[in-house]
Each structure stands twice: as structure tokens, then as C-alpha cells.
């Protein structure tokens, strides 16, 4: 009897783990399929977009080994695949938490889906148009002294991958804060109280997620802190609206009891 009770206790957890496994598996499959599609149909376009900031500096891209040219285009296809599959990945992640929500909370699902896609792509676009060129100029000219740059295509594309994807991920912060505030997991006072710890975490993440240069790290850290402040504002709006709704419901309930 005791063994049966233990099995029943762990059954829901195993179901959640199985659902999480499926979510991760489907997300990986989506990235693989989107990478193949990008390689077959859009690779030249994506390659031109990625390489243009470097080529505009008047420097050539080289490859040093027989297989490097192929691997460069695979990395480019991967970046395109991540962007192309981002709607599926965000949809799967939201679907994973959807069963835990109440019916009124499920109504925000599609708005969050589109917001997540917009923020991810917007983060990558922000890193590409506003920060990447500054980072390249600083690394190749400002901080390189009299050294002559001879950059391989593979190392450059790896640099761009490490540079842009964190911007896409970090721009999801307002959506995550909105969602967690809706669920009552976090609130504005909590976010404001932990601001100094968040700053420390942001600096650590900026150092870990970006290439090892101060321009890239500051270029990610400053937008992250701005996004955190925006997230606090969003959380405050959601939290106050939630408190007003609860107060109205409580007043209505008290009035019904009095009647």
C-alpha cells in the first residue's frame, strides 16, 4: 500500500520530466530542420549578412584548412536555423508551462508567443546593427596595436555566433518577468530589492557570454540593465493591475456576504 502511494506521488513528476524531454527533443529537431533549410535555401543570403560588417572594414576573410570553408557555412546555417526555428522553440517552451496556468492566464499565450519571437529577433538585430561593428573596430584596430589582422572565416563566424545569440536570449527578459509576475512568482519590490545583485550577475553573464573584449561586454551589459529596468516597470504595471482586480473581487465578495 505504501509503495503504491509513493508511485502515485512520483507519477506527476515523471510525467513533467517526460514532457520536458519531449519539449527539448522537439526544439532540437526544429533547430536541425531549420539549419538544413537555411543551408539549402538561404545560406548565401545569411552568409552575406554575417560577413558584411567584417568585409566593410576592408579586410579579407581566409580559411586555413580543407574543411574550414564547409564548416563556416554550417555555422552560418546554424545561426540562421536558430533564428528560423525560434517561433517553434518559444511555442514549445510556452506550451510546456501552459497546463499549469488557469484559463484566464492561458489567454496571454499567443501574445507572449509573438512577443517572444519579436524580442529574440530584435535582440539579435540590435547586437548586429549597433554593437557588432563597434566590437570589431575595437578588437581589430583600437586594441590590436601594430599587429596585422589575418582572420579566418571560421573564427569570425564563431565570434558572431557567440556575440549575437546572447543578445537574442537577453531580450526575452521583459517577457519572462511579465509572465512570472502574472503567475505571482515575482513582484516589483522583489526586483527592486535585488537590483544590485542583478547588476553583479549581469556583469558576470556579459563576461561569460560575449567574446573577451570590453566593448562587447559593455555592449551587452548596458542593454541588459536597461531591459531589467523596463522589466521592473512592466512588473509594476502587471502587479498593480492584479492588486486592483483582487481588491475589486474582495469588495464584491464582502458585499455579497453582507446582502
Protein backbone atom coordinates (compact mmCIF):
# COMPACT_ATOMS: atom_id res chain seq x y z
CA UNK A 1 0.00 0.00 0.00
CA UNK A 2 2.86 2.35 0.92
CA UNK A 3 4.69 1.50 -2.32
CA UNK A 4 1.57 2.37 -4.32
CA UNK A 5 1.29 5.74 -2.56
CA UNK A 6 4.93 6.53 -3.39
CA UNK A 7 4.35 5.60 -7.04
CA UNK A 8 1.30 7.88 -7.20
CA UNK A 9 3.32 10.69 -5.63
CA UNK A 10 6.12 10.48 -8.19
CA UNK A 11 3.91 9.81 -11.21
CA UNK A 12 3.09 13.51 -11.88
CA UNK A 13 6.77 14.43 -11.60
CA UNK A 14 7.73 11.72 -14.08
CA UNK A 15 5.04 12.99 -16.46
CA UNK A 16 6.50 16.52 -16.23
CA UNK A 17 10.01 15.19 -16.86
CA UNK A 18 8.77 13.25 -19.87
CA UNK A 19 7.04 16.37 -21.21
CA UNK A 20 10.22 18.37 -20.66
CA UNK A 21 12.20 15.72 -22.53
CA UNK A 22 9.78 15.96 -25.47
CA UNK A 23 9.99 19.76 -25.42
CA UNK A 24 13.79 19.70 -25.57
CA UNK A 25 13.81 16.97 -28.23
CA UNK A 26 11.30 18.79 -30.45
CA UNK A 27 13.24 22.05 -30.05
CA UNK A 28 16.48 20.34 -31.11
CA UNK A 29 14.73 18.75 -34.09
CA UNK A 30 13.31 22.18 -35.06
CA UNK A 31 16.82 23.71 -34.99
CA UNK A 32 18.25 20.82 -37.07
CA UNK A 33 15.48 21.05 -39.69
CA UNK A 34 15.71 24.85 -39.85
CA UNK A 35 19.51 24.61 -40.17
CA UNK A 36 19.16 22.23 -43.13
CA UNK A 37 16.55 24.51 -44.77
CA UNK A 38 18.81 27.53 -44.26
CA UNK A 39 21.81 25.69 -45.71
CA UNK A 40 19.89 24.58 -48.81
CA UNK A 41 17.86 27.72 -49.49
CA UNK A 42 19.19 30.83 -47.71
CA UNK A 43 22.83 30.21 -46.84
CA UNK A 44 24.32 32.68 -49.33
CA UNK A 45 21.98 35.44 -48.15
CA UNK A 46 22.70 34.76 -44.47
CA UNK A 47 26.45 34.48 -45.19
CA UNK A 48 26.48 37.88 -46.89
CA UNK A 49 24.64 39.44 -43.95
CA UNK A 50 27.02 37.93 -41.38
CA UNK A 51 30.23 38.71 -43.26
CA UNK A 52 29.31 42.23 -44.41
CA UNK A 53 30.36 44.02 -41.16
CA UNK A 54 33.83 42.44 -41.43
CA UNK A 55 34.28 42.90 -45.18
CA UNK A 56 33.17 46.54 -44.89
CA UNK A 57 36.32 47.13 -42.83
CA UNK A 58 38.39 46.34 -45.93
CA UNK A 59 39.80 43.11 -44.56
CA UNK A 60 39.74 39.68 -46.27
CA UNK A 61 38.41 36.51 -44.66
CA UNK A 62 40.65 33.45 -45.08
CA UNK A 63 40.28 29.74 -44.48
CA UNK A 64 43.25 27.66 -43.32
CA UNK A 65 42.18 24.03 -43.72
CA UNK A 66 40.44 21.96 -46.39
CA UNK A 67 37.25 21.52 -44.37
CA UNK A 68 37.08 25.02 -42.87
CA UNK A 69 35.07 26.53 -45.75
CA UNK A 70 32.37 23.88 -45.36
CA UNK A 71 32.31 24.26 -41.55
CA UNK A 72 31.94 28.03 -41.90
CA UNK A 73 28.78 27.61 -43.96
CA UNK A 74 27.47 25.03 -41.49
CA UNK A 75 27.92 27.53 -38.65
CA UNK A 76 26.17 30.19 -40.71
CA UNK A 77 23.33 27.76 -41.42
CA UNK A 78 23.12 27.01 -37.69
CA UNK A 79 22.71 30.70 -36.81
CA UNK A 80 20.03 31.05 -39.49
CA UNK A 81 18.43 27.84 -38.19
CA UNK A 82 18.26 29.17 -34.62
CA UNK A 83 16.53 32.35 -35.79
CA UNK A 84 14.22 30.46 -38.18
CA UNK A 85 13.24 27.87 -35.55
CA UNK A 86 12.81 30.41 -32.70
CA UNK A 87 8.98 30.53 -33.13
CA UNK A 88 8.79 26.74 -32.69
CA UNK A 89 11.17 26.74 -29.70
CA UNK A 90 9.32 29.55 -27.91
CA UNK A 91 5.99 27.89 -28.70
CA UNK A 92 7.16 24.55 -27.25
CA UNK A 93 8.51 26.21 -24.10
CA UNK A 94 5.28 28.13 -23.55
CA UNK A 95 3.24 25.00 -24.17
CA UNK A 96 5.27 23.21 -21.52
CA UNK A 97 4.12 25.64 -18.83
CA UNK A 98 0.62 26.16 -20.26
CA UNK A 99 -1.07 23.24 -18.42
CA UNK A 100 -0.04 24.82 -15.10
CA UNK A 101 -1.94 28.01 -15.88
CA UNK A 102 -5.52 28.99 -15.14
CA UNK A 103 -7.90 29.57 -18.03
CA UNK A 104 -7.61 33.38 -17.83
CA UNK A 105 -3.81 33.08 -17.85
CA UNK A 106 -3.87 30.91 -20.97
CA UNK A 107 -5.35 33.84 -22.89
CA UNK A 108 -1.96 35.56 -22.86
CA UNK A 109 -0.31 32.57 -24.59
CA UNK A 110 -0.38 33.86 -28.16
CA UNK A 111 0.54 37.42 -27.23
CA UNK A 112 3.56 36.04 -25.35
CA UNK A 113 4.45 33.80 -28.29
CA UNK A 114 4.62 36.74 -30.70
CA UNK A 115 6.34 38.91 -28.10
CA UNK A 116 8.98 36.23 -27.53
CA UNK A 117 9.70 35.90 -31.25
CA UNK A 118 9.85 39.68 -31.69
CA UNK A 119 12.18 40.16 -28.70
CA UNK A 120 14.54 37.34 -29.73
CA UNK A 121 14.89 38.57 -33.31
CA UNK A 122 15.02 42.17 -32.07
CA UNK A 123 17.87 41.31 -29.70
CA UNK A 124 19.90 39.73 -32.50
CA UNK A 125 19.18 42.71 -34.77
CA UNK A 126 20.24 45.13 -32.01
CA UNK A 127 23.53 43.28 -31.49
CA UNK A 128 24.17 43.12 -35.23
CA UNK A 129 23.38 46.72 -36.18
CA UNK A 130 24.56 48.62 -33.11
CA UNK A 131 27.20 46.62 -31.22
CA UNK A 132 28.92 44.17 -33.60
CA UNK A 133 30.68 46.82 -35.72
CA UNK A 134 31.88 48.66 -32.61
CA UNK A 135 33.28 45.41 -31.24
CA UNK A 136 35.05 44.58 -34.50
CA UNK A 137 36.58 48.05 -34.77
CA UNK A 138 37.78 47.93 -31.18
CA UNK A 139 39.26 44.44 -31.43
CA UNK A 140 40.84 44.73 -34.87
CA UNK A 141 42.11 48.32 -34.78
CA UNK A 142 41.85 50.10 -31.41
CA UNK A 143 43.27 47.37 -29.16
CA UNK A 144 45.45 45.46 -31.63
CA UNK A 145 48.39 47.86 -31.75
CA UNK A 146 50.62 47.39 -34.80
CA UNK A 147 49.55 43.78 -35.37
CA UNK A 148 48.16 42.95 -38.82
CA UNK A 149 44.82 41.08 -38.64
CA UNK A 150 44.63 37.82 -40.59
CA UNK A 151 41.28 36.43 -39.51
CA UNK A 152 39.99 33.04 -40.59
CA UNK A 153 36.37 32.81 -41.71
CA UNK A 154 35.72 30.07 -39.15
CA UNK A 155 36.93 32.12 -36.18
CA UNK A 156 34.96 35.15 -37.36
CA UNK A 157 31.68 33.23 -37.75
CA UNK A 158 32.22 31.60 -34.32
CA UNK A 159 32.74 35.09 -32.91
CA UNK A 160 29.48 36.31 -34.47
CA UNK A 161 27.57 33.28 -33.13
CA UNK A 162 28.86 33.84 -29.59
CA UNK A 163 28.15 37.53 -29.96
CA UNK A 164 24.61 37.65 -31.35
CA UNK A 165 22.74 34.73 -29.76
CA UNK A 166 23.16 36.08 -26.17
CA UNK A 167 21.55 39.34 -27.31
CA UNK A 168 18.53 37.38 -28.56
CA UNK A 169 18.26 35.47 -25.28
CA UNK A 170 18.71 38.50 -23.03
CA UNK A 171 16.00 40.46 -24.85
CA UNK A 172 13.49 37.84 -23.66
CA UNK A 173 13.80 39.23 -20.11
CA UNK A 174 10.75 41.57 -20.20
CA UNK A 175 8.52 38.75 -21.43
CA UNK A 176 9.80 36.38 -18.72
CA UNK A 177 9.25 38.99 -16.00
CA UNK A 178 5.75 39.73 -17.30
CA UNK A 179 4.92 36.02 -17.24
CA UNK A 180 6.35 35.39 -13.74
CA UNK A 181 4.58 38.46 -12.34
CA UNK A 182 1.30 37.24 -13.82
CA UNK A 183 1.82 33.92 -12.03
CA UNK A 184 2.64 35.68 -8.75
CA UNK A 185 6.14 34.21 -8.56
CA UNK A 186 7.85 37.61 -8.53
CA UNK A 187 6.78 41.20 -7.80
CA UNK A 188 8.21 44.73 -8.26
CA UNK A 189 9.55 45.13 -4.67
CA UNK A 190 11.46 41.87 -5.09
CA UNK A 191 13.01 43.06 -8.36
CA UNK A 192 13.92 46.48 -6.93
CA UNK A 193 15.41 45.00 -3.76
CA UNK A 194 17.70 42.66 -5.73
CA UNK A 195 18.86 45.26 -8.29
CA UNK A 196 22.47 45.34 -7.02
CA UNK A 197 22.72 41.54 -7.16
CA UNK A 198 21.27 41.54 -10.66
CA UNK A 199 23.94 44.05 -11.72
CA UNK A 200 26.63 41.65 -10.50
CA UNK A 201 25.00 38.73 -12.34
CA UNK A 202 24.68 40.85 -15.49
CA UNK A 203 28.39 41.69 -15.45
CA UNK A 204 29.29 38.03 -14.95
CA UNK A 205 26.95 36.92 -17.75
CA UNK A 206 28.28 39.62 -20.07
CA UNK A 207 31.81 38.37 -19.43
CA UNK A 208 30.83 34.72 -19.99
CA UNK A 209 28.51 35.08 -22.97
CA UNK A 210 30.44 37.54 -25.12
CA UNK A 211 33.93 37.45 -26.64
CA UNK A 212 36.68 38.61 -24.23
CA UNK A 213 36.71 42.32 -25.03
CA UNK A 214 35.39 45.24 -23.02
CA UNK A 215 33.33 46.72 -25.87
CA UNK A 216 31.30 43.52 -26.39
CA UNK A 217 30.83 43.02 -22.67
CA UNK A 218 29.68 46.58 -22.02
CA UNK A 219 27.59 46.42 -25.19
CA UNK A 220 25.65 43.50 -23.70
CA UNK A 221 25.68 44.61 -20.04
CA UNK A 222 24.14 48.06 -20.63
CA UNK A 223 21.14 46.80 -22.67
CA UNK A 224 20.62 44.04 -20.09
CA UNK A 225 20.39 46.57 -17.26
CA UNK A 226 18.08 48.79 -19.34
CA UNK A 227 15.91 45.73 -20.05
CA UNK A 228 15.90 44.93 -16.32
CA UNK A 229 14.63 48.43 -15.52
CA UNK A 230 11.99 48.09 -18.26
CA UNK A 231 11.05 44.71 -16.77
CA UNK A 232 10.57 46.31 -13.33
CA UNK A 233 8.23 48.87 -14.93
CA UNK A 234 6.30 46.09 -16.69
CA UNK A 235 6.14 44.06 -13.47
CA UNK A 236 4.83 47.10 -11.56
CA UNK A 237 2.07 47.65 -14.14
CA UNK A 238 1.03 43.99 -14.07
CA UNK A 239 1.27 43.79 -10.26
CA UNK A 240 -0.81 46.94 -9.65
CA UNK A 241 -3.45 45.77 -12.13
CA UNK A 242 -3.52 42.41 -10.34
CA UNK A 243 -3.91 44.07 -6.91
CA UNK A 244 -6.78 46.25 -8.18
CA UNK A 245 -8.54 43.23 -9.62
CA UNK A 246 -8.13 41.28 -6.38
CA UNK A 247 -9.39 44.27 -4.36
CA UNK A 248 -12.48 44.57 -6.56
CA UNK A 249 -13.18 40.84 -6.24
CA UNK A 250 -12.76 41.03 -2.44
CA UNK A 251 -15.08 44.05 -2.19
CA UNK A 252 -17.64 42.29 -4.36
CA UNK A 253 -17.41 39.16 -2.22
CA UNK A 254 -17.84 41.17 1.01
CA UNK A 255 -20.85 42.97 -0.46
CA UNK A 256 -22.47 39.66 -1.40
CA UNK A 257 -21.87 38.33 2.12
CA UNK A 258 -23.48 41.43 3.65
CA UNK A 259 -26.51 41.06 1.41
